[in-house]
Amino acid sequence: MRFLLLLSDEPEIIVGETNVTVGSWNGNALTLRCVAKGEPPAKFQWFKPDGQQLTSNVFTIKDGSTVTIQTIAPGDYGKYKCRANNTAGFIEHHITVNQWGK
């Protein structure tokens, strides 16, 4: 008889590789980055400051995800949320986008 032991670790944000605060001028495009370790590897979701999920311009990178946003309207600034989840659990990380030149 064989047994297979599967270990799971819920995701943990790697702060040194993940944005915390960024700034932008109106009309700029900027890319937010979120990196997490965990087993199995995490899947990522992005949310705007108003809670709406972002599904376009979202890309997978090694151990993480990026999203490219346009800062045009006041609602494009504020706290974006990156959610990393796997079968062991999830973690959320907020990235604040500040408006420059205000």
N, C-alpha and C. Protein backbone atom coordinates (compact mmCIF):
# COMPACT_ATOMS: atom_id res chain seq x y z
N MET A 1 0.84 -1.17 0.00
CA MET A 1 0.00 0.00 0.00
C MET A 1 0.89 1.25 0.00
N ARG A 2 0.54 2.21 -0.86
CA ARG A 2 1.28 3.47 -0.93
C ARG A 2 0.41 4.61 -0.45
N PHE A 3 1.07 5.56 0.18
CA PHE A 3 0.39 6.78 0.61
C PHE A 3 1.09 7.96 -0.03
N LEU A 4 0.30 8.92 -0.42
CA LEU A 4 0.84 10.16 -0.98
C LEU A 4 0.46 11.29 -0.05
N LEU A 5 1.45 11.97 0.44
CA LEU A 5 1.22 13.08 1.36
C LEU A 5 1.36 14.39 0.58
N LEU A 6 0.29 15.13 0.53
CA LEU A 6 0.31 16.42 -0.16
C LEU A 6 0.30 17.53 0.88
N LEU A 7 1.30 18.38 0.82
CA LEU A 7 1.38 19.50 1.74
C LEU A 7 0.86 20.75 1.05
N SER A 8 0.12 21.54 1.79
CA SER A 8 -0.42 22.78 1.25
C SER A 8 -0.07 23.92 2.17
N ASP A 9 0.32 25.02 1.58
CA ASP A 9 0.57 26.26 2.32
C ASP A 9 -0.27 27.34 1.68
N GLU A 10 -1.02 28.09 2.50
CA GLU A 10 -1.79 29.18 1.92
C GLU A 10 -0.83 30.25 1.42
N PRO A 11 -1.27 31.03 0.46
CA PRO A 11 -0.39 32.03 -0.14
C PRO A 11 0.12 33.06 0.86
N GLU A 12 1.31 33.56 0.59
CA GLU A 12 1.92 34.61 1.38
C GLU A 12 2.49 35.63 0.40
N ILE A 13 2.11 36.89 0.57
CA ILE A 13 2.58 37.95 -0.32
C ILE A 13 4.08 38.17 -0.12
N ILE A 14 4.81 38.28 -1.21
CA ILE A 14 6.23 38.60 -1.15
C ILE A 14 6.33 40.12 -1.32
N VAL A 15 6.46 40.81 -0.20
CA VAL A 15 6.36 42.26 -0.17
C VAL A 15 7.46 42.92 -1.01
N GLY A 16 8.67 42.41 -0.99
CA GLY A 16 9.77 43.01 -1.74
C GLY A 16 9.55 43.01 -3.24
N GLU A 17 8.64 42.18 -3.73
CA GLU A 17 8.38 42.08 -5.16
C GLU A 17 6.98 42.57 -5.53
N THR A 18 6.26 43.10 -4.56
CA THR A 18 4.87 43.51 -4.75
C THR A 18 4.73 45.00 -4.45
N ASN A 19 4.01 45.71 -5.32
CA ASN A 19 3.77 47.14 -5.08
C ASN A 19 2.98 47.35 -3.80
N VAL A 20 3.25 48.49 -3.15
CA VAL A 20 2.48 48.91 -1.98
C VAL A 20 1.80 50.24 -2.28
N THR A 21 2.58 51.20 -2.77
CA THR A 21 2.06 52.51 -3.15
C THR A 21 2.72 52.93 -4.45
N VAL A 22 1.91 53.44 -5.38
CA VAL A 22 2.43 53.98 -6.64
C VAL A 22 1.69 55.28 -6.93
N GLY A 23 2.28 56.10 -7.78
CA GLY A 23 1.64 57.34 -8.17
C GLY A 23 1.57 57.45 -9.68
N SER A 24 0.64 58.27 -10.15
CA SER A 24 0.46 58.42 -11.58
C SER A 24 -0.15 59.78 -11.90
N TRP A 25 0.22 60.32 -13.07
CA TRP A 25 -0.42 61.50 -13.62
C TRP A 25 -1.69 61.05 -14.33
N ASN A 26 -2.66 61.93 -14.46
CA ASN A 26 -3.86 61.61 -15.24
C ASN A 26 -3.46 61.25 -16.66
N GLY A 27 -4.09 60.22 -17.20
CA GLY A 27 -3.84 59.79 -18.57
C GLY A 27 -2.73 58.77 -18.72
N ASN A 28 -2.04 58.44 -17.64
CA ASN A 28 -0.96 57.45 -17.71
C ASN A 28 -1.49 56.03 -17.56
N ALA A 29 -0.75 55.11 -18.14
CA ALA A 29 -0.97 53.68 -17.90
C ALA A 29 0.09 53.25 -16.90
N LEU A 30 -0.30 52.44 -15.94
CA LEU A 30 0.69 51.89 -15.03
C LEU A 30 0.37 50.45 -14.73
N THR A 31 1.41 49.70 -14.40
CA THR A 31 1.27 48.27 -14.14
C THR A 31 1.49 48.00 -12.66
N LEU A 32 0.50 47.34 -12.05
CA LEU A 32 0.59 46.92 -10.65
C LEU A 32 1.05 45.47 -10.63
N ARG A 33 1.87 45.14 -9.65
CA ARG A 33 2.47 43.81 -9.57
C ARG A 33 2.18 43.20 -8.20
N CYS A 34 1.82 41.92 -8.20
CA CYS A 34 1.53 41.19 -6.96
C CYS A 34 2.18 39.81 -7.08
N VAL A 35 3.02 39.46 -6.10
CA VAL A 35 3.73 38.19 -6.11
C VAL A 35 3.47 37.49 -4.78
N ALA A 36 3.20 36.17 -4.85
CA ALA A 36 2.93 35.40 -3.63
C ALA A 36 3.51 34.01 -3.77
N LYS A 37 3.94 33.45 -2.64
CA LYS A 37 4.38 32.07 -2.64
C LYS A 37 3.35 31.23 -1.90
N GLY A 38 3.27 29.98 -2.25
CA GLY A 38 2.33 29.06 -1.62
C GLY A 38 2.34 27.75 -2.37
N GLU A 39 1.78 26.74 -1.77
CA GLU A 39 1.72 25.42 -2.40
C GLU A 39 0.32 24.87 -2.23
N PRO A 40 -0.41 24.60 -3.27
CA PRO A 40 -0.03 24.78 -4.67
C PRO A 40 0.08 26.27 -5.01
N PRO A 41 0.70 26.59 -6.16
CA PRO A 41 0.85 27.99 -6.55
C PRO A 41 -0.50 28.71 -6.57
N ALA A 42 -0.47 29.98 -6.23
CA ALA A 42 -1.69 30.77 -6.12
C ALA A 42 -2.23 31.18 -7.49
N LYS A 43 -3.53 31.41 -7.51
CA LYS A 43 -4.20 32.06 -8.63
C LYS A 43 -4.57 33.45 -8.14
N PHE A 44 -4.59 34.42 -9.05
CA PHE A 44 -4.74 35.82 -8.65
C PHE A 44 -5.99 36.45 -9.24
N GLN A 45 -6.56 37.37 -8.46
CA GLN A 45 -7.67 38.20 -8.91
C GLN A 45 -7.33 39.64 -8.53
N TRP A 46 -7.80 40.58 -9.35
CA TRP A 46 -7.58 42.01 -9.11
C TRP A 46 -8.91 42.72 -8.99
N PHE A 47 -8.96 43.73 -8.10
CA PHE A 47 -10.17 44.50 -7.88
C PHE A 47 -9.84 45.99 -7.83
N LYS A 48 -10.72 46.80 -8.44
CA LYS A 48 -10.59 48.25 -8.42
C LYS A 48 -10.95 48.78 -7.03
N PRO A 49 -10.65 50.05 -6.75
CA PRO A 49 -11.02 50.63 -5.46
C PRO A 49 -12.51 50.52 -5.14
N ASP A 50 -13.38 50.50 -6.15
CA ASP A 50 -14.82 50.39 -5.90
C ASP A 50 -15.28 48.93 -5.72
N GLY A 51 -14.33 47.99 -5.78
CA GLY A 51 -14.67 46.58 -5.58
C GLY A 51 -14.91 45.80 -6.86
N GLN A 52 -14.99 46.48 -8.00
CA GLN A 52 -15.23 45.81 -9.28
C GLN A 52 -14.00 44.98 -9.66
N GLN A 53 -14.25 43.73 -10.07
CA GLN A 53 -13.14 42.87 -10.48
C GLN A 53 -12.60 43.29 -11.83
N LEU A 54 -11.28 43.31 -11.94
CA LEU A 54 -10.60 43.60 -13.20
C LEU A 54 -10.32 42.28 -13.92
N THR A 55 -10.70 42.21 -15.18
CA THR A 55 -10.47 40.98 -15.93
C THR A 55 -9.65 41.21 -17.20
N SER A 56 -9.55 42.47 -17.64
CA SER A 56 -8.74 42.74 -18.83
C SER A 56 -7.40 43.33 -18.40
N ASN A 57 -6.40 43.13 -19.23
CA ASN A 57 -5.04 43.59 -18.96
C ASN A 57 -4.44 42.96 -17.71
N VAL A 58 -4.89 41.74 -17.39
CA VAL A 58 -4.36 40.96 -16.27
C VAL A 58 -3.46 39.89 -16.87
N PHE A 59 -2.22 39.80 -16.35
CA PHE A 59 -1.26 38.85 -16.89
C PHE A 59 -0.63 38.02 -15.78
N THR A 60 -0.30 36.79 -16.11
CA THR A 60 0.38 35.90 -15.18
C THR A 60 1.88 36.05 -15.36
N ILE A 61 2.60 36.16 -14.25
CA ILE A 61 4.05 36.19 -14.25
C ILE A 61 4.53 35.09 -13.30
N LYS A 62 5.82 34.87 -13.22
CA LYS A 62 6.34 33.83 -12.32
C LYS A 62 5.93 34.16 -10.88
N ASP A 63 5.21 33.26 -10.27
CA ASP A 63 4.74 33.38 -8.89
C ASP A 63 3.84 34.59 -8.64
N GLY A 64 3.22 35.13 -9.70
CA GLY A 64 2.40 36.30 -9.46
C GLY A 64 1.55 36.73 -10.64
N SER A 65 1.15 37.99 -10.57
CA SER A 65 0.26 38.55 -11.57
C SER A 65 0.50 40.05 -11.66
N THR A 66 0.22 40.59 -12.84
CA THR A 66 0.24 42.05 -13.03
C THR A 66 -1.08 42.47 -13.64
N VAL A 67 -1.42 43.72 -13.45
CA VAL A 67 -2.57 44.32 -14.11
C VAL A 67 -2.15 45.71 -14.56
N THR A 68 -2.51 46.06 -15.78
CA THR A 68 -2.21 47.39 -16.30
C THR A 68 -3.51 48.20 -16.28
N ILE A 69 -3.43 49.38 -15.68
CA ILE A 69 -4.60 50.25 -15.55
C ILE A 69 -4.30 51.60 -16.18
N GLN A 70 -5.34 52.31 -16.56
CA GLN A 70 -5.25 53.69 -17.05
C GLN A 70 -5.79 54.60 -15.96
N THR A 71 -5.04 55.63 -15.61
CA THR A 71 -5.51 56.58 -14.60
C THR A 71 -6.07 57.80 -15.33
N ILE A 72 -7.38 57.77 -15.53
CA ILE A 72 -8.06 58.82 -16.27
C ILE A 72 -9.06 59.57 -15.38
N ALA A 73 -9.87 58.81 -14.65
CA ALA A 73 -10.94 59.38 -13.83
C ALA A 73 -10.58 59.27 -12.34
N PRO A 74 -11.25 60.05 -11.49
CA PRO A 74 -10.98 59.97 -10.05
C PRO A 74 -11.13 58.54 -9.49
N GLY A 75 -12.05 57.74 -10.04
CA GLY A 75 -12.24 56.37 -9.57
C GLY A 75 -11.11 55.43 -9.90
N ASP A 76 -10.14 55.90 -10.71
CA ASP A 76 -8.98 55.07 -11.05
C ASP A 76 -7.90 55.16 -9.99
N TYR A 77 -8.08 56.03 -9.01
CA TYR A 77 -7.13 56.19 -7.92
C TYR A 77 -7.72 55.58 -6.65
N GLY A 78 -6.86 55.16 -5.74
CA GLY A 78 -7.31 54.58 -4.48
C GLY A 78 -6.65 53.23 -4.25
N LYS A 79 -7.31 52.39 -3.43
CA LYS A 79 -6.74 51.10 -3.04
C LYS A 79 -7.23 49.99 -3.97
N TYR A 80 -6.30 49.44 -4.74
CA TYR A 80 -6.56 48.26 -5.55
C TYR A 80 -6.27 47.04 -4.69
N LYS A 81 -6.98 45.96 -4.96
CA LYS A 81 -6.79 44.75 -4.17
C LYS A 81 -6.33 43.61 -5.07
N CYS A 82 -5.29 42.93 -4.62
CA CYS A 82 -4.82 41.70 -5.25
C CYS A 82 -5.18 40.57 -4.30
N ARG A 83 -5.87 39.57 -4.81
CA ARG A 83 -6.22 38.39 -3.99
C ARG A 83 -5.51 37.18 -4.57
N ALA A 84 -4.68 36.55 -3.74
CA ALA A 84 -3.97 35.33 -4.13
C ALA A 84 -4.62 34.17 -3.39
N ASN A 85 -5.07 33.15 -4.13
CA ASN A 85 -5.72 32.04 -3.46
C ASN A 85 -5.29 30.70 -4.05
N ASN A 86 -5.32 29.70 -3.17
CA ASN A 86 -5.09 28.31 -3.57
C ASN A 86 -5.97 27.43 -2.69
N THR A 87 -5.81 26.13 -2.77
CA THR A 87 -6.69 25.22 -2.02
C THR A 87 -6.49 25.32 -0.52
N ALA A 88 -5.38 25.90 -0.05
CA ALA A 88 -5.12 26.02 1.38
C ALA A 88 -5.69 27.31 1.97
N GLY A 89 -6.05 28.27 1.12
CA GLY A 89 -6.59 29.53 1.62
C GLY A 89 -6.29 30.68 0.69
N PHE A 90 -6.40 31.90 1.22
CA PHE A 90 -6.14 33.09 0.40
C PHE A 90 -5.58 34.20 1.26
N ILE A 91 -5.01 35.18 0.57
CA ILE A 91 -4.54 36.40 1.22
C ILE A 91 -4.85 37.56 0.29
N GLU A 92 -5.13 38.72 0.87
CA GLU A 92 -5.40 39.91 0.08
C GLU A 92 -4.34 40.96 0.39
N HIS A 93 -3.98 41.71 -0.64
CA HIS A 93 -2.98 42.76 -0.50
C HIS A 93 -3.51 44.01 -1.19
N HIS A 94 -3.37 45.16 -0.55
CA HIS A 94 -3.84 46.42 -1.12
C HIS A 94 -2.66 47.23 -1.67
N ILE A 95 -2.87 47.80 -2.84
CA ILE A 95 -1.90 48.67 -3.49
C ILE A 95 -2.58 50.01 -3.70
N THR A 96 -2.03 51.06 -3.10
CA THR A 96 -2.61 52.38 -3.20
C THR A 96 -2.04 53.11 -4.42
N VAL A 97 -2.94 53.61 -5.27
CA VAL A 97 -2.55 54.41 -6.42
C VAL A 97 -2.93 55.86 -6.12
N ASN A 98 -1.91 56.70 -6.00
CA ASN A 98 -2.10 58.12 -5.70
C ASN A 98 -2.04 58.94 -6.97
N GLN A 99 -2.78 60.04 -6.99
CA GLN A 99 -2.78 60.94 -8.14
C GLN A 99 -1.71 62.01 -7.95
N TRP A 100 -0.85 62.17 -8.95
CA TRP A 100 0.17 63.21 -8.94
C TRP A 100 -0.38 64.46 -9.61
N GLY A 101 0.19 65.59 -9.25
CA GLY A 101 -0.15 66.84 -9.91
C GLY A 101 -1.52 67.37 -9.58
N LYS A 102 -2.03 66.97 -8.45
CA LYS A 102 -3.37 67.40 -8.05
C LYS A 102 -3.32 68.73 -7.37
